[in-house]
PDB file of N, CA and C in Angstrom:
ATOM      1  N   MET A   1      25.753 117.978  39.385  1.00  0.00           N
ATOM      2  CA  MET A   1      24.342 118.141  39.168  1.00  0.00           C
ATOM      3  C   MET A   1      23.455 117.304  40.234  1.00  0.00           C
ATOM      4  N   LEU A   2      22.505 118.018  40.793  1.00  0.00           N
ATOM      5  CA  LEU A   2      21.704 117.321  41.735  1.00  0.00           C
ATOM      6  C   LEU A   2      20.510 116.741  41.094  1.00  0.00           C
ATOM      7  N   TRP A   3      20.285 115.397  41.302  1.00  0.00           N
ATOM      8  CA  TRP A   3      19.091 114.645  40.820  1.00  0.00           C
ATOM      9  C   TRP A   3      18.115 114.422  41.992  1.00  0.00           C
ATOM     10  N   THR A   4      16.868 114.621  41.723  1.00  0.00           N
ATOM     11  CA  THR A   4      15.831 114.308  42.590  1.00  0.00           C
ATOM     12  C   THR A   4      15.108 113.050  42.023  1.00  0.00           C
ATOM     13  N   HIS A   5      15.051 111.935  42.783  1.00  0.00           N
ATOM     14  CA  HIS A   5      14.537 110.707  42.234  1.00  0.00           C
ATOM     15  C   HIS A   5      13.966 109.797  43.339  1.00  0.00           C
ATOM     16  N   ALA A   6      13.165 108.854  42.952  1.00  0.00           N
ATOM     17  CA  ALA A   6      12.736 107.794  43.840  1.00  0.00           C
ATOM     18  C   ALA A   6      13.801 106.943  44.396  1.00  0.00           C
ATOM     19  N   HIS A   7      13.739 106.328  45.578  1.00  0.00           N
ATOM     20  CA  HIS A   7      14.824 105.647  46.135  1.00  0.00           C
ATOM     21  C   HIS A   7      15.324 104.484  45.393  1.00  0.00           C
ATOM     22  N   ASP A   8      14.557 103.743  44.664  1.00  0.00           N
ATOM     23  CA  ASP A   8      14.869 102.533  43.919  1.00  0.00           C
ATOM     24  C   ASP A   8      15.206 102.783  42.495  1.00  0.00           C
ATOM     25  N   VAL A   9      15.411 103.969  42.098  1.00  0.00           N
ATOM     26  CA  VAL A   9      15.682 104.423  40.612  1.00  0.00           C
ATOM     27  C   VAL A   9      17.099 104.241  40.313  1.00  0.00           C
ATOM     28  N   ASP A  10      17.464 103.523  39.263  1.00  0.00           N
ATOM     29  CA  ASP A  10      18.780 103.381  38.767  1.00  0.00           C
ATOM     30  C   ASP A  10      18.824 104.244  37.401  1.00  0.00           C
ATOM     31  N   LEU A  11      19.562 105.319  37.428  1.00  0.00           N
ATOM     32  CA  LEU A  11      19.643 106.246  36.258  1.00  0.00           C
ATOM     33  C   LEU A  11      20.765 105.793  35.265  1.00  0.00           C
ATOM     34  N   GLY A  12      21.448 104.733  35.619  1.00  0.00           N
ATOM     35  CA  GLY A  12      22.521 104.185  34.757  1.00  0.00           C
ATOM     36  C   GLY A  12      23.597 105.269  34.525  1.00  0.00           C
ATOM     37  N   TYR A  13      24.040 105.499  33.266  1.00  0.00           N
ATOM     38  CA  TYR A  13      25.005 106.510  32.923  1.00  0.00           C
ATOM     39  C   TYR A  13      24.471 107.790  32.661  1.00  0.00           C
ATOM     40  N   LEU A  14      23.161 107.978  32.595  1.00  0.00           N
ATOM     41  CA  LEU A  14      22.553 109.258  32.242  1.00  0.00           C
ATOM     42  C   LEU A  14      23.144 110.535  33.080  1.00  0.00           C
ATOM     43  N   PRO A  15      23.298 110.330  34.349  1.00  0.00           N
ATOM     44  CA  PRO A  15      23.835 111.512  35.064  1.00  0.00           C
ATOM     45  C   PRO A  15      25.269 111.869  34.622  1.00  0.00           C
ATOM     46  N   PHE A  16      26.019 110.995  34.019  1.00  0.00           N
ATOM     47  CA  PHE A  16      27.303 111.276  33.556  1.00  0.00           C
ATOM     48  C   PHE A  16      27.347 111.915  32.244  1.00  0.00           C
ATOM     49  N   PHE A  17      26.220 111.900  31.437  1.00  0.00           N
ATOM     50  CA  PHE A  17      26.094 112.490  30.115  1.00  0.00           C
ATOM     51  C   PHE A  17      25.928 113.946  30.189  1.00  0.00           C
ATOM     52  N   LEU A  18      25.687 114.509  31.337  1.00  0.00           N
ATOM     53  CA  LEU A  18      25.374 115.982  31.503  1.00  0.00           C
ATOM     54  C   LEU A  18      26.461 116.643  32.373  1.00  0.00           C
ATOM     55  N   ASP A  19      26.943 117.707  31.901  1.00  0.00           N
ATOM     56  CA  ASP A  19      28.086 118.498  32.553  1.00  0.00           C
ATOM     57  C   ASP A  19      27.708 119.926  32.561  1.00  0.00           C
ATOM     58  N   ALA A  20      27.508 120.475  33.696  1.00  0.00           N
ATOM     59  CA  ALA A  20      27.053 121.895  33.835  1.00  0.00           C
ATOM     60  C   ALA A  20      28.190 122.844  33.332  1.00  0.00           C
ATOM     61  N   ASN A  21      29.379 122.432  33.068  1.00  0.00           N
ATOM     62  CA  ASN A  21      30.444 123.179  32.585  1.00  0.00           C
ATOM     63  C   ASN A  21      30.478 123.135  31.026  1.00  0.00           C
ATOM     64  N   ASP A  22      29.728 122.289  30.388  1.00  0.00           N
ATOM     65  CA  ASP A  22      29.620 122.092  28.967  1.00  0.00           C
ATOM     66  C   ASP A  22      28.444 123.123  28.494  1.00  0.00           C
ATOM     67  N   PRO A  23      28.738 124.078  27.632  1.00  0.00           N
ATOM     68  CA  PRO A  23      27.743 125.045  27.363  1.00  0.00           C
ATOM     69  C   PRO A  23      26.558 124.525  26.375  1.00  0.00           C
ATOM     70  N   ARG A  24      26.711 123.337  25.906  1.00  0.00           N
ATOM     71  CA  ARG A  24      25.725 122.780  24.986  1.00  0.00           C
ATOM     72  C   ARG A  24      24.458 122.549  25.777  1.00  0.00           C
ATOM     73  N   PRO A  25      23.237 122.527  25.105  1.00  0.00           N
ATOM     74  CA  PRO A  25      22.032 122.099  25.638  1.00  0.00           C
ATOM     75  C   PRO A  25      22.016 120.582  26.079  1.00  0.00           C
ATOM     76  N   ALA A  26      21.096 120.281  26.972  1.00  0.00           N
ATOM     77  CA  ALA A  26      21.108 118.912  27.526  1.00  0.00           C
ATOM     78  C   ALA A  26      21.080 117.850  26.368  1.00  0.00           C
ATOM     79  N   ALA A  27      20.059 118.040  25.411  1.00  0.00           N
ATOM     80  CA  ALA A  27      19.913 117.025  24.343  1.00  0.00           C
ATOM     81  C   ALA A  27      21.119 116.841  23.582  1.00  0.00           C
ATOM     82  N   GLU A  28      21.852 117.830  23.349  1.00  0.00           N
ATOM     83  CA  GLU A  28      23.129 117.809  22.522  1.00  0.00           C
ATOM     84  C   GLU A  28      24.168 117.060  23.351  1.00  0.00           C
ATOM     85  N   GLN A  29      24.256 117.264  24.635  1.00  0.00           N
ATOM     86  CA  GLN A  29      25.178 116.530  25.476  1.00  0.00           C
ATOM     87  C   GLN A  29      24.910 115.111  25.550  1.00  0.00           C
ATOM     88  N   ILE A  30      23.638 114.820  25.694  1.00  0.00           N
ATOM     89  CA  ILE A  30      23.160 113.392  25.736  1.00  0.00           C
ATOM     90  C   ILE A  30      23.420 112.722  24.407  1.00  0.00           C
ATOM     91  N   ASP A  31      23.198 113.394  23.448  1.00  0.00           N
ATOM     92  CA  ASP A  31      23.473 112.829  22.018  1.00  0.00           C
ATOM     93  C   ASP A  31      24.956 112.542  21.793  1.00  0.00           C
ATOM     94  N   ALA A  32      25.786 113.348  22.322  1.00  0.00           N
ATOM     95  CA  ALA A  32      27.309 113.147  22.096  1.00  0.00           C
ATOM     96  C   ALA A  32      27.747 112.015  23.028  1.00  0.00           C
ATOM     97  N   HIS A  33      27.269 111.797  24.184  1.00  0.00           N
ATOM     98  CA  HIS A  33      27.722 110.748  25.080  1.00  0.00           C
ATOM     99  C   HIS A  33      26.971 109.424  24.844  1.00  0.00           C
ATOM    100  N   TYR A  34      25.906 109.465  24.145  1.00  0.00           N
ATOM    101  CA  TYR A  34      25.174 108.172  23.945  1.00  0.00           C
ATOM    102  C   TYR A  34      25.128 107.720  22.619  1.00  0.00           C
ATOM    103  N   GLN A  35      26.268 107.890  21.836  1.00  0.00           N
ATOM    104  CA  GLN A  35      26.327 107.446  20.444  1.00  0.00           C
ATOM    105  C   GLN A  35      26.156 105.999  20.298  1.00  0.00           C
ATOM    106  N   HIS A  36      26.686 105.170  21.293  1.00  0.00           N
ATOM    107  CA  HIS A  36      26.679 103.738  21.104  1.00  0.00           C
ATOM    108  C   HIS A  36      25.181 103.185  21.298  1.00  0.00           C
ATOM    109  N   GLY A  37      24.359 104.048  21.822  1.00  0.00           N
ATOM    110  CA  GLY A  37      22.933 103.751  21.926  1.00  0.00           C
ATOM    111  C   GLY A  37      22.052 104.339  20.906  1.00  0.00           C
ATOM    112  N   GLY A  38      22.595 105.017  19.887  1.00  0.00           N
ATOM    113  CA  GLY A  38      22.016 105.692  18.904  1.00  0.00           C
ATOM    114  C   GLY A  38      21.803 107.208  18.996  1.00  0.00           C
ATOM    115  N   GLY A  39      22.328 107.756  19.998  1.00  0.00           N
ATOM    116  CA  GLY A  39      22.223 109.225  20.283  1.00  0.00           C
ATOM    117  C   GLY A  39      20.846 109.632  20.701  1.00  0.00           C
ATOM    118  N   TRP A  40      20.676 110.923  20.683  1.00  0.00           N
ATOM    119  CA  TRP A  40      19.326 111.447  21.076  1.00  0.00           C
ATOM    120  C   TRP A  40      18.452 111.412  19.804  1.00  0.00           C
ATOM    121  N   GLN A  41      17.464 110.593  19.723  1.00  0.00           N
ATOM    122  CA  GLN A  41      16.515 110.506  18.663  1.00  0.00           C
ATOM    123  C   GLN A  41      15.215 110.983  19.073  1.00  0.00           C
ATOM    124  N   SER A  42      14.759 112.140  18.697  1.00  0.00           N
ATOM    125  CA  SER A  42      13.480 112.711  19.146  1.00  0.00           C
ATOM    126  C   SER A  42      12.351 111.870  18.793  1.00  0.00           C
ATOM    127  N   PHE A  43      11.452 111.697  19.719  1.00  0.00           N
ATOM    128  CA  PHE A  43      10.232 110.838  19.588  1.00  0.00           C
ATOM    129  C   PHE A  43       8.989 111.693  19.649  1.00  0.00           C
ATOM    130  N   LYS A  44       8.243 111.792  18.619  1.00  0.00           N
ATOM    131  CA  LYS A  44       7.149 112.685  18.525  1.00  0.00           C
ATOM    132  C   LYS A  44       5.755 111.930  19.020  1.00  0.00           C
ATOM    133  N   GLY A  45       4.758 112.697  19.441  1.00  0.00           N
ATOM    134  CA  GLY A  45       3.492 112.184  19.766  1.00  0.00           C
ATOM    135  C   GLY A  45       3.071 112.295  21.175  1.00  0.00           C
ATOM    136  N   PHE A  46       4.049 112.496  22.114  1.00  0.00           N
ATOM    137  CA  PHE A  46       3.706 112.646  23.491  1.00  0.00           C
ATOM    138  C   PHE A  46       2.964 114.027  23.706  1.00  0.00           C
ATOM    139  N   GLU A  47       2.137 114.046  24.706  1.00  0.00           N
ATOM    140  CA  GLU A  47       1.491 115.256  25.053  1.00  0.00           C
ATOM    141  C   GLU A  47       1.843 115.516  26.601  1.00  0.00           C
ATOM    142  N   ARG A  48       2.103 116.771  26.886  1.00  0.00           N
ATOM    143  CA  ARG A  48       2.292 117.099  28.315  1.00  0.00           C
ATOM    144  C   ARG A  48       0.898 117.321  29.004  1.00  0.00           C
ATOM    145  N   LEU A  49       0.649 116.560  30.105  1.00  0.00           N
ATOM    146  CA  LEU A  49      -0.625 116.742  30.768  1.00  0.00           C
ATOM    147  C   LEU A  49      -0.569 117.886  31.676  1.00  0.00           C
ATOM    148  N   ASN A  50       0.592 118.128  32.263  1.00  0.00           N
ATOM    149  CA  ASN A  50       0.819 119.278  33.154  1.00  0.00           C
ATOM    150  C   ASN A  50       2.254 119.551  33.111  1.00  0.00           C
ATOM    151  N   HIS A  51       2.789 120.157  34.040  1.00  0.00           N
ATOM    152  CA  HIS A  51       4.276 120.543  33.930  1.00  0.00           C
ATOM    153  C   HIS A  51       5.212 119.401  33.642  1.00  0.00           C
ATOM    154  N   SER A  52       4.912 118.229  34.265  1.00  0.00           N
ATOM    155  CA  SER A  52       5.940 117.133  34.088  1.00  0.00           C
ATOM    156  C   SER A  52       5.310 115.851  33.642  1.00  0.00           C
ATOM    157  N   ASP A  53       4.064 115.631  33.763  1.00  0.00           N
ATOM    158  CA  ASP A  53       3.452 114.398  33.333  1.00  0.00           C
ATOM    159  C   ASP A  53       3.272 114.308  31.800  1.00  0.00           C
ATOM    160  N   LEU A  54       3.409 113.103  31.275  1.00  0.00           N
ATOM    161  CA  LEU A  54       3.307 112.960  29.822  1.00  0.00           C
ATOM    162  C   LEU A  54       2.340 111.848  29.499  1.00  0.00           C
ATOM    163  N   GLN A  55       1.734 111.914  28.271  1.00  0.00           N
ATOM    164  CA  GLN A  55       0.886 110.777  27.895  1.00  0.00           C
ATOM    165  C   GLN A  55       1.015 110.611  26.337  1.00  0.00           C
ATOM    166  N   TYR A  56       1.187 109.341  26.001  1.00  0.00           N
ATOM    167  CA  TYR A  56       1.160 108.984  24.505  1.00  0.00           C
ATOM    168  C   TYR A  56      -0.241 108.543  24.223  1.00  0.00           C
ATOM    169  N   PRO A  57      -0.816 108.924  23.076  1.00  0.00           N
ATOM    170  CA  PRO A  57      -2.183 108.572  22.834  1.00  0.00           C
ATOM    171  C   PRO A  57      -2.415 107.019  23.011  1.00  0.00           C
ATOM    172  N   GLY A  58      -3.420 106.589  23.798  1.00  0.00           N
ATOM    173  CA  GLY A  58      -3.719 105.265  23.936  1.00  0.00           C
ATOM    174  C   GLY A  58      -3.011 104.541  25.146  1.00  0.00           C
ATOM    175  N   ASP A  59      -2.000 105.228  25.723  1.00  0.00           N
ATOM    176  CA  ASP A  59      -1.240 104.720  26.774  1.00  0.00           C
ATOM    177  C   ASP A  59      -1.641 105.466  28.123  1.00  0.00           C
ATOM    178  N   PRO A  60      -1.360 104.745  29.290  1.00  0.00           N
ATOM    179  CA  PRO A  60      -1.662 105.422  30.525  1.00  0.00           C
ATOM    180  C   PRO A  60      -0.573 106.613  30.725  1.00  0.00           C
ATOM    181  N   PRO A  61      -0.884 107.582  31.552  1.00  0.00           N
ATOM    182  CA  PRO A  61      -0.017 108.699  31.783  1.00  0.00           C
ATOM    183  C   PRO A  61       1.354 108.265  32.361  1.00  0.00           C
ATOM    184  N   LEU A  62       2.387 108.993  32.099  1.00  0.00           N
ATOM    185  CA  LEU A  62       3.674 108.727  32.663  1.00  0.00           C
ATOM    186  C   LEU A  62       4.024 109.827  33.643  1.00  0.00           C
ATOM    187  N   HIS A  63       4.493 109.484  34.798  1.00  0.00           N
ATOM    188  CA  HIS A  63       4.899 110.418  35.923  1.00  0.00           C
ATOM    189  C   HIS A  63       6.440 110.307  36.024  1.00  0.00           C
ATOM    190  N   PRO A  64       7.153 111.324  36.173  1.00  0.00           N
ATOM    191  CA  PRO A  64       8.597 111.337  36.243  1.00  0.00           C
ATOM    192  C   PRO A  64       9.106 110.524  37.507  1.00  0.00           C
ATOM    193  N   ILE A  65      10.232 109.847  37.242  1.00  0.00           N
ATOM    194  CA  ILE A  65      10.850 109.142  38.391  1.00  0.00           C
ATOM    195  C   ILE A  65      12.049 109.801  38.786  1.00  0.00           C
ATOM    196  N   ALA A  66      12.566 110.680  38.042  1.00  0.00           N
ATOM    197  CA  ALA A  66      13.759 111.452  38.342  1.00  0.00           C
ATOM    198  C   ALA A  66      13.752 112.782  37.632  1.00  0.00           C
ATOM    199  N   MET A  67      14.474 113.824  38.210  1.00  0.00           N
ATOM    200  CA  MET A  67      14.491 115.187  37.565  1.00  0.00           C
ATOM    201  C   MET A  67      15.786 115.805  37.993  1.00  0.00           C
ATOM    202  N   THR A  68      16.247 116.650  37.144  1.00  0.00           N
ATOM    203  CA  THR A  68      17.457 117.573  37.385  1.00  0.00           C
ATOM    204  C   THR A  68      17.246 118.863  36.563  1.00  0.00           C
ATOM    205  N   ARG A  69      18.156 119.717  36.783  1.00  0.00           N
ATOM    206  CA  ARG A  69      18.121 121.027  35.945  1.00  0.00           C
ATOM    207  C   ARG A  69      19.588 121.189  35.484  1.00  0.00           C
ATOM    208  N   LEU A  70      19.626 121.694  34.210  1.00  0.00           N
ATOM    209  CA  LEU A  70      20.868 122.068  33.598  1.00  0.00           C
ATOM    210  C   LEU A  70      20.700 123.487  33.100  1.00  0.00           C
ATOM    211  N   ARG A  71      21.159 124.391  33.928  1.00  0.00           N
ATOM    212  CA  ARG A  71      20.912 125.858  33.613  1.00  0.00           C
ATOM    213  C   ARG A  71      19.427 126.139  33.560  1.00  0.00           C
ATOM    214  N   ASP A  72      18.851 126.549  32.526  1.00  0.00           N
ATOM    215  CA  ASP A  72      17.386 126.823  32.428  1.00  0.00           C
ATOM    216  C   ASP A  72      16.616 125.674  31.847  1.00  0.00           C
ATOM    217  N   GLU A  73      17.145 124.492  31.627  1.00  0.00           N
ATOM    218  CA  GLU A  73      16.460 123.383  31.185  1.00  0.00           C
ATOM    219  C   GLU A  73      16.122 122.355  32.250  1.00  0.00           C
ATOM    220  N   GLU A  74      14.905 121.779  32.226  1.00  0.00           N
ATOM    221  CA  GLU A  74      14.642 120.725  33.200  1.00  0.00           C
ATOM    222  C   GLU A  74      14.622 119.421  32.427  1.00  0.00           C
ATOM    223  N   ILE A  75      15.282 118.418  33.091  1.00  0.00           N
ATOM    224  CA  ILE A  75      15.498 117.117  32.483  1.00  0.00           C
ATOM    225  C   ILE A  75      14.639 116.182  33.379  1.00  0.00           C
ATOM    226  N   TYR A  76      13.625 115.441  32.793  1.00  0.00           N
ATOM    227  CA  TYR A  76      12.808 114.522  33.505  1.00  0.00           C
ATOM    228  C   TYR A  76      13.039 113.067  32.960  1.00  0.00           C
ATOM    229  N   VAL A  77      13.131 112.098  33.839  1.00  0.00           N
ATOM    230  CA  VAL A  77      13.263 110.741  33.447  1.00  0.00           C
ATOM    231  C   VAL A  77      11.957 109.952  33.856  1.00  0.00           C
ATOM    232  N   TYR A  78      11.426 109.166  32.927  1.00  0.00           N
ATOM    233  CA  TYR A  78      10.214 108.379  33.114  1.00  0.00           C
ATOM    234  C   TYR A  78      10.484 106.898  33.032  1.00  0.00           C
ATOM    235  N   PRO A  79       9.495 106.139  33.446  1.00  0.00           N
ATOM    236  CA  PRO A  79       9.612 104.705  33.230  1.00  0.00           C
ATOM    237  C   PRO A  79       9.765 104.406  31.774  1.00  0.00           C
ATOM    238  N   TYR A  80      10.305 103.281  31.519  1.00  0.00           N
ATOM    239  CA  TYR A  80      10.637 102.791  30.113  1.00  0.00           C
ATOM    240  C   TYR A  80      11.668 103.613  29.463  1.00  0.00           C
ATOM    241  N   SER A  81      12.534 104.196  30.206  1.00  0.00           N
ATOM    242  CA  SER A  81      13.731 105.001  29.623  1.00  0.00           C
ATOM    243  C   SER A  81      13.358 106.281  28.856  1.00  0.00           C
ATOM    244  N   TRP A  82      12.225 106.764  28.957  1.00  0.00           N
ATOM    245  CA  TRP A  82      11.920 108.022  28.249  1.00  0.00           C
ATOM    246  C   TRP A  82      12.503 109.203  29.046  1.00  0.00           C
ATOM    247  N   VAL A  83      13.079 110.113  28.374  1.00  0.00           N
ATOM    248  CA  VAL A  83      13.669 111.323  28.872  1.00  0.00           C
ATOM    249  C   VAL A  83      13.131 112.503  28.201  1.00  0.00           C
ATOM    250  N   MET A  84      12.671 113.576  28.938  1.00  0.00           N
ATOM    251  CA  MET A  84      12.151 114.817  28.370  1.00  0.00           C
ATOM    252  C   MET A  84      13.073 115.939  28.856  1.00  0.00           C
ATOM    253  N   VAL A  85      13.416 116.783  27.847  1.00  0.00           N
ATOM    254  CA  VAL A  85      14.169 118.031  28.159  1.00  0.00           C
ATOM    255  C   VAL A  85      13.039 119.095  27.928  1.00  0.00           C
ATOM    256  N   LEU A  86      12.737 119.808  28.971  1.00  0.00           N
ATOM    257  CA  LEU A  86      11.812 120.865  28.985  1.00  0.00           C
ATOM    258  C   LEU A  86      12.469 122.318  29.018  1.00  0.00           C
ATOM    259  N   GLN A  87      12.071 123.144  28.040  1.00  0.00           N
ATOM    260  CA  GLN A  87      12.636 124.493  27.905  1.00  0.00           C
ATOM    261  C   GLN A  87      11.764 125.462  28.765  1.00  0.00           C
ATOM    262  N   PRO A  88      12.368 126.592  29.087  1.00  0.00           N
ATOM    263  CA  PRO A  88      11.611 127.627  29.872  1.00  0.00           C
ATOM    264  C   PRO A  88      10.350 128.086  29.165  1.00  0.00           C
ATOM    265  N   ASP A  89      10.350 128.055  27.878  1.00  0.00           N
ATOM    266  CA  ASP A  89       9.152 128.558  27.113  1.00  0.00           C
ATOM    267  C   ASP A  89       8.021 127.469  26.992  1.00  0.00           C
ATOM    268  N   GLY A  90       8.329 126.236  27.598  1.00  0.00           N
ATOM    269  CA  GLY A  90       7.345 125.211  27.478  1.00  0.00           C
ATOM    270  C   GLY A  90       7.624 124.231  26.343  1.00  0.00           C
ATOM    271  N   ALA A  91       8.526 124.544  25.423  1.00  0.00           N
ATOM    272  CA  ALA A  91       8.879 123.598  24.404  1.00  0.00           C
ATOM    273  C   ALA A  91       9.567 122.388  25.034  1.00  0.00           C
ATOM    274  N   PHE A  92       9.293 121.258  24.460  1.00  0.00           N
ATOM    275  CA  PHE A  92       9.989 120.057  24.992  1.00  0.00           C
ATOM    276  C   PHE A  92      10.376 119.023  23.895  1.00  0.00           C
ATOM    277  N   ASP A  93      11.317 118.174  24.181  1.00  0.00           N
ATOM    278  CA  ASP A  93      11.817 117.207  23.315  1.00  0.00           C
ATOM    279  C   ASP A  93      11.982 115.906  24.085  1.00  0.00           C
ATOM    280  N   ILE A  94      11.606 114.820  23.535  1.00  0.00           N
ATOM    281  CA  ILE A  94      11.608 113.448  24.192  1.00  0.00           C
ATOM    282  C   ILE A  94      12.376 112.452  23.384  1.00  0.00           C
ATOM    283  N   ALA A  95      13.081 111.649  24.079  1.00  0.00           N
ATOM    284  CA  ALA A  95      13.803 110.615  23.521  1.00  0.00           C
ATOM    285  C   ALA A  95      13.936 109.346  24.407  1.00  0.00           C
ATOM    286  N   ARG A  96      14.093 108.230  23.840  1.00  0.00           N
ATOM    287  CA  ARG A  96      14.263 106.986  24.724  1.00  0.00           C
ATOM    288  C   ARG A  96      15.733 106.803  24.823  1.00  0.00           C
ATOM    289  N   ILE A  97      16.263 106.760  26.102  1.00  0.00           N
ATOM    290  CA  ILE A  97      17.630 106.665  26.315  1.00  0.00           C
ATOM    291  C   ILE A  97      17.743 105.455  27.207  1.00  0.00           C
ATOM    292  N   ASP A  98      17.966 104.305  26.625  1.00  0.00           N
ATOM    293  CA  ASP A  98      18.034 103.148  27.340  1.00  0.00           C
ATOM    294  C   ASP A  98      19.435 102.535  27.125  1.00  0.00           C
TER     295      ASP A  98
END
């Protein structure tokens, strides 16, 4: 999978958690590979400001620092280890994957 990211970004093991040959959605794959860190735990309350920027009430906006695609899903990585999986219909799920 091809990741687009800033030059100084370290994605850790996250790129290894996703496999285009695995038919499961991105969040399920991350959950399966990140069990030592608690798996994928959805975090509610973020709002999408546009296609990829997020904001949690009372906090400054977050801009993605890395992005990839897994079939029809878009996966965005943000500062502070937030990860969003965006579906084609606009639905999204966010978890902290540190």
